Amino acid sequence: MDQELAALHQKLDLLTEQVHYLTEQAELAARRQAERAELVSDLTPIANDVFRLTTEQLEEIQEYVDLGDLLRLLKRSLRNGRNIDQALDRLESLMDLAQTVGPVTDSLFEKATTLLQRAECHGYFTFAHRGARLANSVVSAITQFAPPSKTSLWSLLKQARDQNVRRGLVLAMHVLGAVGGQAAKCAEEAAMSGDIPGPCTQPVPAAPCAGQ
């Protein structure tokens, strides 16, 4: 009798565990179904808005788009899939090359910018601009100049009294002095080094910029 009661209790315990397991599974399924229903409820307005916007956009372009054109485009894309893949590979290679060459290009650009800044600081651009204006003035003056039939010493001395002529003479003498001084310096350096004297090959060092 006791054995039968023990077996009965064991079966009741097993049945209770199974009922408890089934209850937990049912609750879990109910929660999942509720979550899915809530997700569907949240996504339904978004899907409706997307569908509405898509419909509106298609209505705007429907007169410009033909289904046959889309099908031909799709077929052509499928036929040229290998070419498209090769083009993408080449594009990736170009991107890798750009990433590799990028630092070198940046360095060259930085050096060029530095050189241009130094040239601007040393007045090269200003000198070139003023030189161009001076050349234009000289060309214009020569074009408009009509030499007299007779030139006397008195007329030359009279022209020397002109302020513009004096300024030109001073500028010419200043330039000649700078050229002569540099030529003498080059000859002296050539004599010290034992080289054959000749025209200067090294540029004249410019005055350093302010703040450098």
Protein backbone atom coordinates (compact mmCIF):
# COMPACT_ATOMS: atom_id res chain seq x y z
CA MET A 1 0.00 0.00 0.00
CA ASP A 2 2.80 2.41 0.89
CA GLN A 3 4.60 1.63 -2.33
CA GLU A 4 1.49 2.41 -4.34
CA LEU A 5 1.08 5.77 -2.54
CA ALA A 6 4.75 6.63 -3.17
CA ALA A 7 4.38 5.81 -6.87
CA LEU A 8 1.19 7.87 -7.01
CA HIS A 9 2.91 10.85 -5.37
CA GLN A 10 5.83 10.53 -7.79
CA LYS A 11 3.46 10.58 -10.76
CA LEU A 12 1.65 13.58 -9.30
CA ASP A 13 4.95 15.44 -8.87
CA LEU A 14 5.97 14.65 -12.45
CA LEU A 15 2.58 15.76 -13.71
CA THR A 16 2.87 18.97 -11.70
CA GLU A 17 6.29 19.71 -13.21
CA GLN A 18 4.97 19.09 -16.71
CA VAL A 19 1.98 21.34 -16.11
CA HIS A 20 4.31 24.03 -14.72
CA TYR A 21 6.59 23.72 -17.79
CA LEU A 22 3.64 23.92 -20.16
CA THR A 23 2.35 26.94 -18.29
CA GLU A 24 5.69 28.71 -18.59
CA GLN A 25 5.86 27.93 -22.33
CA ALA A 26 2.33 29.22 -22.81
CA GLU A 27 3.17 32.44 -20.96
CA LEU A 28 6.36 32.85 -23.00
CA ALA A 29 4.46 32.30 -26.25
CA ALA A 30 1.84 34.79 -25.12
CA ARG A 31 4.50 37.38 -24.34
CA ARG A 32 6.17 36.84 -27.73
CA GLN A 33 2.84 37.13 -29.48
CA ALA A 34 2.11 40.34 -27.58
CA GLU A 35 5.56 41.71 -28.53
CA ARG A 36 4.98 40.83 -32.17
CA ALA A 37 1.58 42.45 -32.08
CA GLU A 38 3.05 45.57 -30.52
CA LEU A 39 5.85 45.64 -33.13
CA VAL A 40 3.33 45.25 -35.94
CA SER A 41 1.24 48.00 -34.38
CA ASP A 42 4.29 50.31 -34.27
CA LEU A 43 5.49 49.49 -37.78
CA THR A 44 2.13 49.71 -39.48
CA PRO A 45 1.99 53.56 -39.53
CA ILE A 46 5.61 53.71 -40.72
CA ALA A 47 4.91 51.20 -43.49
CA ASN A 48 1.82 53.16 -44.48
CA ASP A 49 3.84 56.38 -44.68
CA VAL A 50 6.56 54.69 -46.74
CA PHE A 51 3.98 53.22 -49.09
CA ARG A 52 2.25 56.59 -49.43
CA LEU A 53 5.50 58.42 -50.15
CA THR A 54 6.58 55.75 -52.63
CA THR A 55 3.26 56.00 -54.40
CA GLU A 56 3.49 59.78 -54.59
CA GLN A 57 7.05 59.65 -55.96
CA LEU A 58 6.11 57.02 -58.54
CA GLU A 59 3.13 59.09 -59.63
CA GLU A 60 5.47 62.04 -60.23
CA ILE A 61 7.84 60.07 -62.45
CA GLN A 62 5.45 57.62 -64.05
CA GLU A 63 5.31 59.65 -67.28
CA TYR A 64 9.11 59.50 -67.55
CA VAL A 65 9.58 55.83 -66.62
CA ASP A 66 8.59 52.87 -68.72
CA LEU A 67 8.46 49.34 -67.36
CA GLY A 68 10.15 48.08 -70.50
CA ASP A 69 13.06 50.46 -69.91
CA LEU A 70 13.45 49.19 -66.37
CA LEU A 71 13.44 45.58 -67.55
CA ARG A 72 16.03 46.32 -70.24
CA LEU A 73 18.18 48.09 -67.65
CA LEU A 74 17.88 45.13 -65.30
CA LYS A 75 18.80 42.66 -68.04
CA ARG A 76 21.75 44.78 -69.12
CA SER A 77 22.96 45.02 -65.52
CA LEU A 78 22.74 41.26 -65.16
CA ARG A 79 24.59 40.68 -68.45
CA ASN A 80 27.36 43.11 -67.47
CA GLY A 81 27.66 41.95 -63.89
CA ARG A 82 31.27 40.85 -64.43
CA ASN A 83 32.20 44.21 -65.98
CA ILE A 84 30.55 46.04 -63.11
CA ASP A 85 32.51 43.91 -60.65
CA GLN A 86 35.77 44.69 -62.48
CA ALA A 87 34.92 48.39 -62.48
CA LEU A 88 34.34 48.26 -58.73
CA ASP A 89 37.70 46.50 -58.29
CA ARG A 90 39.42 49.24 -60.29
CA LEU A 91 37.65 51.88 -58.26
CA GLU A 92 38.87 50.26 -55.05
CA SER A 93 42.40 50.16 -56.50
CA LEU A 94 42.19 53.86 -57.35
CA MET A 95 40.97 54.62 -53.84
CA ASP A 96 43.89 52.65 -52.37
CA LEU A 97 46.28 54.52 -54.67
CA ALA A 98 44.77 57.85 -53.60
CA GLN A 99 45.23 56.91 -49.95
CA THR A 100 48.86 55.94 -50.64
CA VAL A 101 49.72 59.01 -52.71
CA GLY A 102 47.72 61.36 -50.50
CA PRO A 103 50.47 61.99 -47.90
CA VAL A 104 53.06 62.57 -50.65
CA THR A 105 50.75 65.04 -52.40
CA ASP A 106 50.05 66.81 -49.13
CA SER A 107 53.79 67.10 -48.47
CA LEU A 108 54.45 68.52 -51.95
CA PHE A 109 51.56 70.94 -51.61
CA GLU A 110 52.85 72.06 -48.21
CA LYS A 111 56.35 72.62 -49.63
CA ALA A 112 54.95 74.55 -52.59
CA THR A 113 52.85 76.68 -50.28
CA THR A 114 55.90 77.37 -48.10
CA LEU A 115 57.97 78.38 -51.13
CA LEU A 116 55.21 80.68 -52.38
CA GLN A 117 54.88 82.25 -48.95
CA ARG A 118 58.64 82.85 -48.80
CA ALA A 119 58.61 84.31 -52.31
CA GLU A 120 55.77 86.62 -51.34
CA CYS A 121 57.55 87.57 -48.11
CA HIS A 122 60.77 88.32 -49.96
CA GLY A 123 58.90 90.53 -52.40
CA TYR A 124 59.37 88.46 -55.56
CA PHE A 125 55.74 88.82 -56.61
CA THR A 126 55.75 92.53 -55.88
CA PHE A 127 58.97 92.92 -57.87
CA ALA A 128 57.51 90.98 -60.79
CA HIS A 129 54.34 93.08 -60.72
CA ARG A 130 56.27 96.33 -60.58
CA GLY A 131 58.69 95.05 -63.22
CA ALA A 132 55.77 94.28 -65.54
CA ARG A 133 54.38 97.77 -64.99
CA LEU A 134 57.82 99.27 -65.62
CA ALA A 135 58.21 97.22 -68.81
CA ASN A 136 54.81 98.39 -70.02
CA SER A 137 55.78 101.97 -69.32
CA VAL A 138 59.09 101.54 -71.17
CA VAL A 139 57.42 99.92 -74.15
CA SER A 140 54.78 102.64 -74.24
CA ALA A 141 57.42 105.37 -73.98
CA ILE A 142 59.54 103.82 -76.74
CA THR A 143 56.49 103.41 -78.96
CA GLN A 144 55.46 107.02 -78.52
CA PHE A 145 59.04 108.38 -78.72
CA ALA A 146 59.93 110.22 -81.89
CA PRO A 147 63.71 110.86 -82.04
CA PRO A 148 64.62 114.37 -83.16
CA SER A 149 66.57 114.88 -86.31
CA LYS A 150 69.38 116.61 -84.42
CA THR A 151 70.49 115.98 -80.84
CA SER A 152 72.72 118.49 -79.14
CA LEU A 153 74.58 118.30 -75.87
CA TRP A 154 72.47 121.16 -74.55
CA SER A 155 69.25 119.27 -75.21
CA LEU A 156 70.63 116.21 -73.42
CA LEU A 157 71.64 118.32 -70.41
CA LYS A 158 68.20 119.93 -70.47
CA GLN A 159 66.55 116.51 -70.36
CA ALA A 160 68.80 115.54 -67.46
CA ARG A 161 67.12 118.26 -65.41
CA ASP A 162 63.82 116.34 -65.63
CA GLN A 163 62.94 114.60 -62.30
CA ASN A 164 61.74 111.47 -64.05
CA VAL A 165 64.99 111.21 -66.00
CA ARG A 166 66.96 111.62 -62.79
CA ARG A 167 64.92 108.92 -61.08
CA GLY A 168 65.58 106.60 -63.99
CA LEU A 169 69.29 107.29 -63.87
CA VAL A 170 69.40 106.67 -60.11
CA LEU A 171 67.50 103.38 -60.53
CA ALA A 172 69.80 102.29 -63.38
CA MET A 173 72.90 103.14 -61.36
CA HIS A 174 71.53 101.28 -58.33
CA VAL A 175 70.86 98.19 -60.42
CA LEU A 176 74.29 98.39 -62.06
CA GLY A 177 75.90 98.77 -58.65
CA ALA A 178 74.11 95.68 -57.32
CA VAL A 179 75.07 93.67 -60.41
CA GLY A 180 78.71 94.84 -60.20
CA GLY A 181 78.90 94.04 -56.49
CA GLN A 182 77.52 90.55 -57.03
CA ALA A 183 79.89 89.97 -59.96
CA ALA A 184 82.84 90.99 -57.78
CA LYS A 185 81.66 88.66 -55.03
CA CYS A 186 81.33 85.77 -57.50
CA ALA A 187 84.81 86.45 -58.88
CA GLU A 188 86.25 86.50 -55.37
CA GLU A 189 84.56 83.22 -54.45
CA ALA A 190 85.75 81.64 -57.70
CA ALA A 191 89.31 82.78 -57.02
CA MET A 192 89.24 81.35 -53.49
CA SER A 193 87.85 78.00 -54.68
CA GLY A 194 90.18 77.80 -57.69
CA ASP A 195 87.34 77.66 -60.21
CA ILE A 196 87.35 79.52 -63.49
CA PRO A 197 85.70 82.90 -62.97
CA GLY A 198 82.37 83.16 -64.70
CA PRO A 199 78.82 84.30 -64.21
CA CYS A 200 77.22 83.56 -60.85
CA THR A 201 75.35 80.33 -60.68
CA GLN A 202 74.13 80.69 -57.12
CA PRO A 203 71.15 82.96 -56.51
CA VAL A 204 71.59 86.08 -54.45
CA PRO A 205 70.30 85.32 -50.93
CA ALA A 206 67.22 87.36 -50.15
CA ALA A 207 66.66 89.17 -46.93
CA PRO A 208 64.84 87.02 -44.34
CA CYS A 209 61.15 87.70 -43.75
CA ALA A 210 60.05 89.51 -40.68
CA GLY A 211 59.19 87.10 -37.91
CA GLN A 212 61.28 84.22 -39.25
